[in-house]
Structure formats: C-alpha cells, structure tokens
Amino acid sequence: MRIIGHLEHPSMKITVFQMDNKYSVKFETSLYEQTYKFRQSEELQGLAALQNLIDDQFQTQVLEQFQQLHRIKSEGLGRFLSTQEEEEFDEII
C-alpha cells in the first residue's frame, strides 16, 4: 500500500492510498478515523478522480459520522463510569 496523495480539509486529515486495484481514503480527526475503499475502474483512476468523488457533500457526511462516533463513545463511557462509581463505594446508612 502506498500513499498517492492528501486532500485538503480544515478539520480532517484525508489520506489516499493505493494497493493493487483498490483505493483507500482515510479520514482522521483527533481520536477517530474512517476508511472508505473503492475499486479502481475506468471512471475512477487516480487522485484527481478521487478528489471529484470526495466532494463537499461527501466530506460533510464523514464529519457527521465522526459526530455520531463521538456521541456513541461518550454515551458508552458515561454508562461505564456510572457503574464503576456505584461499585466502588459501599452504601453508608
């Protein structure tokens, strides 16, 4: 797998990889990452074609997924931490 380029975005790092006949586009923020894979075709060849595919709407939807990932993680941590607090302390009467 080799890096064929990066796409510019103010709040995400977007890296494009190529391996065999596939492209992987990895989106990263501070604690999360998403990867989308595409098969190379006549229509989809090279970094320029991927830049057209990963348009503003695609990027906005990826950011929405990051928000959902963060919500799921936060809610899970909240449940986990609340059960830990309940188990750590004995009830005083």
N, C-alpha and C. Protein backbone atom coordinates (compact mmCIF):
# COMPACT_ATOMS: atom_id res chain seq x y z
N MET A 1 0.86 -1.16 0.00
CA MET A 1 0.00 0.00 0.00
C MET A 1 0.91 1.23 0.00
N ARG A 2 0.55 2.16 -0.85
CA ARG A 2 1.36 3.38 -0.91
C ARG A 2 0.44 4.60 -0.89
N ILE A 3 0.95 5.67 -0.35
CA ILE A 3 0.21 6.93 -0.32
C ILE A 3 0.34 7.59 -1.68
N ILE A 4 -0.82 7.94 -2.27
CA ILE A 4 -0.75 8.64 -3.56
C ILE A 4 -1.10 10.12 -3.42
N GLY A 5 -1.55 10.53 -2.21
CA GLY A 5 -1.80 11.94 -2.01
C GLY A 5 -2.65 12.24 -0.80
N HIS A 6 -2.85 13.53 -0.59
CA HIS A 6 -3.66 14.03 0.52
C HIS A 6 -4.68 15.01 -0.06
N LEU A 7 -5.85 15.05 0.56
CA LEU A 7 -6.86 16.04 0.18
C LEU A 7 -6.93 17.07 1.29
N GLU A 8 -7.05 18.31 0.93
CA GLU A 8 -7.07 19.40 1.90
C GLU A 8 -8.43 19.50 2.58
N HIS A 9 -8.38 19.69 3.90
CA HIS A 9 -9.59 19.95 4.68
C HIS A 9 -9.16 20.63 5.96
N PRO A 10 -9.93 21.60 6.45
CA PRO A 10 -9.51 22.35 7.64
C PRO A 10 -9.55 21.56 8.95
N SER A 11 -10.40 20.55 9.06
CA SER A 11 -10.51 19.86 10.35
C SER A 11 -10.24 18.36 10.29
N MET A 12 -9.94 17.84 9.12
CA MET A 12 -9.64 16.42 8.99
C MET A 12 -8.36 16.24 8.19
N LYS A 13 -7.68 15.15 8.49
CA LYS A 13 -6.57 14.73 7.64
C LYS A 13 -7.14 13.68 6.70
N ILE A 14 -6.98 13.87 5.40
CA ILE A 14 -7.51 12.94 4.41
C ILE A 14 -6.34 12.41 3.59
N THR A 15 -6.12 11.11 3.69
CA THR A 15 -5.01 10.46 3.01
C THR A 15 -5.56 9.44 2.02
N VAL A 16 -4.99 9.42 0.82
CA VAL A 16 -5.42 8.49 -0.22
C VAL A 16 -4.31 7.47 -0.45
N PHE A 17 -4.69 6.19 -0.36
CA PHE A 17 -3.76 5.09 -0.55
C PHE A 17 -4.16 4.30 -1.79
N GLN A 18 -3.19 3.62 -2.38
CA GLN A 18 -3.47 2.71 -3.49
C GLN A 18 -2.77 1.39 -3.23
N MET A 19 -3.51 0.30 -3.45
CA MET A 19 -2.94 -1.04 -3.33
C MET A 19 -3.66 -1.92 -4.33
N ASP A 20 -2.91 -2.60 -5.17
CA ASP A 20 -3.48 -3.44 -6.22
C ASP A 20 -4.46 -2.61 -7.03
N ASN A 21 -5.69 -3.04 -7.15
CA ASN A 21 -6.69 -2.30 -7.93
C ASN A 21 -7.70 -1.61 -7.03
N LYS A 22 -7.24 -1.18 -5.85
CA LYS A 22 -8.14 -0.52 -4.90
C LYS A 22 -7.52 0.76 -4.38
N TYR A 23 -8.42 1.68 -4.05
CA TYR A 23 -8.03 2.91 -3.36
C TYR A 23 -8.66 2.88 -1.98
N SER A 24 -7.93 3.38 -1.01
CA SER A 24 -8.47 3.59 0.33
C SER A 24 -8.34 5.06 0.65
N VAL A 25 -9.42 5.65 1.11
CA VAL A 25 -9.40 7.05 1.51
C VAL A 25 -9.65 7.08 3.01
N LYS A 26 -8.64 7.54 3.76
CA LYS A 26 -8.72 7.54 5.22
C LYS A 26 -8.91 8.97 5.72
N PHE A 27 -9.95 9.14 6.55
CA PHE A 27 -10.27 10.41 7.17
C PHE A 27 -9.91 10.30 8.64
N GLU A 28 -9.17 11.28 9.17
CA GLU A 28 -8.76 11.24 10.57
C GLU A 28 -9.07 12.55 11.27
N THR A 29 -9.55 12.43 12.50
CA THR A 29 -9.62 13.56 13.42
C THR A 29 -8.82 13.14 14.64
N SER A 30 -8.91 13.89 15.71
CA SER A 30 -8.05 13.64 16.87
C SER A 30 -8.11 12.20 17.38
N LEU A 31 -9.29 11.64 17.61
CA LEU A 31 -9.39 10.31 18.20
C LEU A 31 -10.11 9.29 17.32
N TYR A 32 -10.52 9.69 16.15
CA TYR A 32 -11.33 8.81 15.31
C TYR A 32 -10.77 8.74 13.90
N GLU A 33 -11.09 7.64 13.23
CA GLU A 33 -10.75 7.54 11.81
C GLU A 33 -11.79 6.70 11.09
N GLN A 34 -11.96 7.01 9.82
CA GLN A 34 -12.86 6.27 8.94
C GLN A 34 -12.10 6.01 7.64
N THR A 35 -12.30 4.82 7.09
CA THR A 35 -11.67 4.49 5.83
C THR A 35 -12.73 3.98 4.86
N TYR A 36 -12.70 4.51 3.66
CA TYR A 36 -13.60 4.09 2.58
C TYR A 36 -12.75 3.51 1.47
N LYS A 37 -13.16 2.35 0.97
CA LYS A 37 -12.40 1.68 -0.08
C LYS A 37 -13.20 1.68 -1.38
N PHE A 38 -12.47 1.87 -2.47
CA PHE A 38 -13.07 1.92 -3.80
C PHE A 38 -12.25 1.06 -4.75
N ARG A 39 -12.95 0.37 -5.63
CA ARG A 39 -12.26 -0.39 -6.67
C ARG A 39 -11.88 0.56 -7.81
N GLN A 40 -10.69 0.36 -8.32
CA GLN A 40 -10.25 1.14 -9.47
C GLN A 40 -11.08 0.71 -10.68
N SER A 41 -11.49 1.67 -11.48
CA SER A 41 -12.25 1.39 -12.69
C SER A 41 -11.84 2.37 -13.77
N GLU A 42 -12.47 2.26 -14.93
CA GLU A 42 -12.17 3.22 -16.00
C GLU A 42 -12.52 4.63 -15.58
N GLU A 43 -13.62 4.76 -14.84
CA GLU A 43 -14.07 6.09 -14.40
C GLU A 43 -13.28 6.58 -13.18
N LEU A 44 -12.84 5.66 -12.36
CA LEU A 44 -12.18 6.03 -11.10
C LEU A 44 -10.72 5.60 -11.15
N GLN A 45 -9.89 6.51 -11.64
CA GLN A 45 -8.46 6.24 -11.73
C GLN A 45 -7.70 7.49 -11.32
N GLY A 46 -6.91 7.36 -10.30
CA GLY A 46 -6.01 8.43 -9.90
C GLY A 46 -6.59 9.39 -8.88
N LEU A 47 -5.69 10.21 -8.38
CA LEU A 47 -6.03 11.16 -7.32
C LEU A 47 -7.06 12.19 -7.77
N ALA A 48 -6.98 12.65 -9.00
CA ALA A 48 -7.92 13.67 -9.48
C ALA A 48 -9.35 13.14 -9.47
N ALA A 49 -9.56 11.90 -9.88
CA ALA A 49 -10.90 11.31 -9.86
C ALA A 49 -11.41 11.17 -8.43
N LEU A 50 -10.52 10.79 -7.51
CA LEU A 50 -10.93 10.66 -6.11
C LEU A 50 -11.25 12.01 -5.50
N GLN A 51 -10.55 13.05 -5.90
CA GLN A 51 -10.87 14.40 -5.42
C GLN A 51 -12.27 14.80 -5.84
N ASN A 52 -12.67 14.42 -7.05
CA ASN A 52 -14.02 14.71 -7.52
C ASN A 52 -15.06 13.89 -6.76
N LEU A 53 -14.73 12.65 -6.45
CA LEU A 53 -15.64 11.78 -5.71
C LEU A 53 -15.82 12.27 -4.27
N ILE A 54 -14.73 12.67 -3.62
CA ILE A 54 -14.76 13.11 -2.23
C ILE A 54 -15.07 14.61 -2.23
N ASP A 55 -16.27 14.94 -2.63
CA ASP A 55 -16.69 16.34 -2.74
C ASP A 55 -17.13 16.88 -1.37
N ASP A 56 -17.62 18.12 -1.36
CA ASP A 56 -18.04 18.76 -0.12
C ASP A 56 -19.13 17.97 0.60
N GLN A 57 -20.08 17.46 -0.15
CA GLN A 57 -21.17 16.69 0.47
C GLN A 57 -20.64 15.41 1.11
N PHE A 58 -19.74 14.71 0.44
CA PHE A 58 -19.13 13.50 0.99
C PHE A 58 -18.41 13.84 2.30
N GLN A 59 -17.62 14.92 2.27
CA GLN A 59 -16.85 15.32 3.46
C GLN A 59 -17.77 15.73 4.60
N THR A 60 -18.87 16.41 4.30
CA THR A 60 -19.83 16.80 5.34
C THR A 60 -20.44 15.56 5.98
N GLN A 61 -20.76 14.56 5.18
CA GLN A 61 -21.33 13.32 5.72
C GLN A 61 -20.32 12.56 6.58
N VAL A 62 -19.05 12.60 6.19
CA VAL A 62 -18.00 11.98 7.01
C VAL A 62 -17.91 12.69 8.36
N LEU A 63 -17.97 14.02 8.36
CA LEU A 63 -17.94 14.77 9.62
C LEU A 63 -19.14 14.43 10.50
N GLU A 64 -20.31 14.24 9.89
CA GLU A 64 -21.49 13.83 10.65
C GLU A 64 -21.28 12.46 11.29
N GLN A 65 -20.62 11.56 10.57
CA GLN A 65 -20.32 10.24 11.12
C GLN A 65 -19.36 10.36 12.31
N PHE A 66 -18.38 11.26 12.20
CA PHE A 66 -17.47 11.49 13.32
C PHE A 66 -18.24 11.97 14.55
N GLN A 67 -19.22 12.83 14.35
CA GLN A 67 -20.04 13.31 15.47
C GLN A 67 -20.81 12.15 16.09
N GLN A 68 -21.34 11.28 15.25
CA GLN A 68 -22.07 10.12 15.77
C GLN A 68 -21.13 9.17 16.51
N LEU A 69 -19.95 8.95 15.99
CA LEU A 69 -18.96 8.12 16.68
C LEU A 69 -18.63 8.69 18.05
N HIS A 70 -18.47 10.01 18.11
CA HIS A 70 -18.15 10.65 19.37
C HIS A 70 -19.31 10.50 20.37
N ARG A 71 -20.54 10.66 19.88
CA ARG A 71 -21.71 10.50 20.75
C ARG A 71 -21.79 9.08 21.30
N ILE A 72 -21.60 8.08 20.44
CA ILE A 72 -21.64 6.68 20.88
C ILE A 72 -20.56 6.42 21.94
N LYS A 73 -19.37 6.91 21.70
CA LYS A 73 -18.27 6.72 22.64
C LYS A 73 -18.56 7.41 23.97
N SER A 74 -19.04 8.65 23.92
CA SER A 74 -19.33 9.40 25.14
C SER A 74 -20.43 8.73 25.96
N GLU A 75 -21.48 8.29 25.28
CA GLU A 75 -22.57 7.61 26.00
C GLU A 75 -22.08 6.30 26.62
N GLY A 76 -21.29 5.56 25.91
CA GLY A 76 -20.73 4.31 26.44
C GLY A 76 -19.84 4.56 27.65
N LEU A 77 -18.98 5.57 27.55
CA LEU A 77 -18.12 5.91 28.68
C LEU A 77 -18.96 6.36 29.88
N GLY A 78 -20.01 7.12 29.61
CA GLY A 78 -20.90 7.57 30.69
C GLY A 78 -21.52 6.40 31.43
N ARG A 79 -22.01 5.41 30.68
CA ARG A 79 -22.59 4.22 31.31
C ARG A 79 -21.53 3.44 32.09
N PHE A 80 -20.37 3.29 31.49
CA PHE A 80 -19.28 2.55 32.13
C PHE A 80 -18.84 3.23 33.42
N LEU A 81 -18.64 4.53 33.37
CA LEU A 81 -18.16 5.26 34.54
C LEU A 81 -19.21 5.29 35.64
N SER A 82 -20.49 5.38 35.28
CA SER A 82 -21.52 5.41 36.32
C SER A 82 -21.61 4.06 37.03
N THR A 83 -21.40 2.95 36.34
CA THR A 83 -21.42 1.64 37.00
C THR A 83 -20.17 1.46 37.85
N GLN A 84 -19.04 2.02 37.42
CA GLN A 84 -17.81 1.94 38.21
C GLN A 84 -17.96 2.70 39.52
N GLU A 85 -18.58 3.88 39.48
CA GLU A 85 -18.77 4.67 40.69
C GLU A 85 -19.69 3.95 41.65
N GLU A 86 -20.73 3.31 41.15
CA GLU A 86 -21.66 2.59 42.01
C GLU A 86 -20.98 1.40 42.68
N GLU A 87 -20.07 0.74 41.99
CA GLU A 87 -19.41 -0.43 42.53
C GLU A 87 -18.28 -0.09 43.49
N GLU A 88 -17.68 1.08 43.39
CA GLU A 88 -16.52 1.41 44.19
C GLU A 88 -16.85 1.77 45.64
N PHE A 89 -17.99 2.33 45.89
CA PHE A 89 -18.29 2.84 47.22
C PHE A 89 -19.39 2.02 47.88
N ASP A 90 -19.14 1.67 49.12
CA ASP A 90 -20.17 1.00 49.91
C ASP A 90 -21.23 2.00 50.31
N GLU A 91 -22.44 1.53 50.43
CA GLU A 91 -23.53 2.40 50.86
C GLU A 91 -23.46 2.61 52.36
N ILE A 92 -23.46 3.85 52.78
CA ILE A 92 -23.40 4.19 54.20
C ILE A 92 -24.80 4.55 54.66
N ILE A 93 -25.22 3.92 55.74
CA ILE A 93 -26.58 4.15 56.27
C ILE A 93 -26.50 5.05 57.48
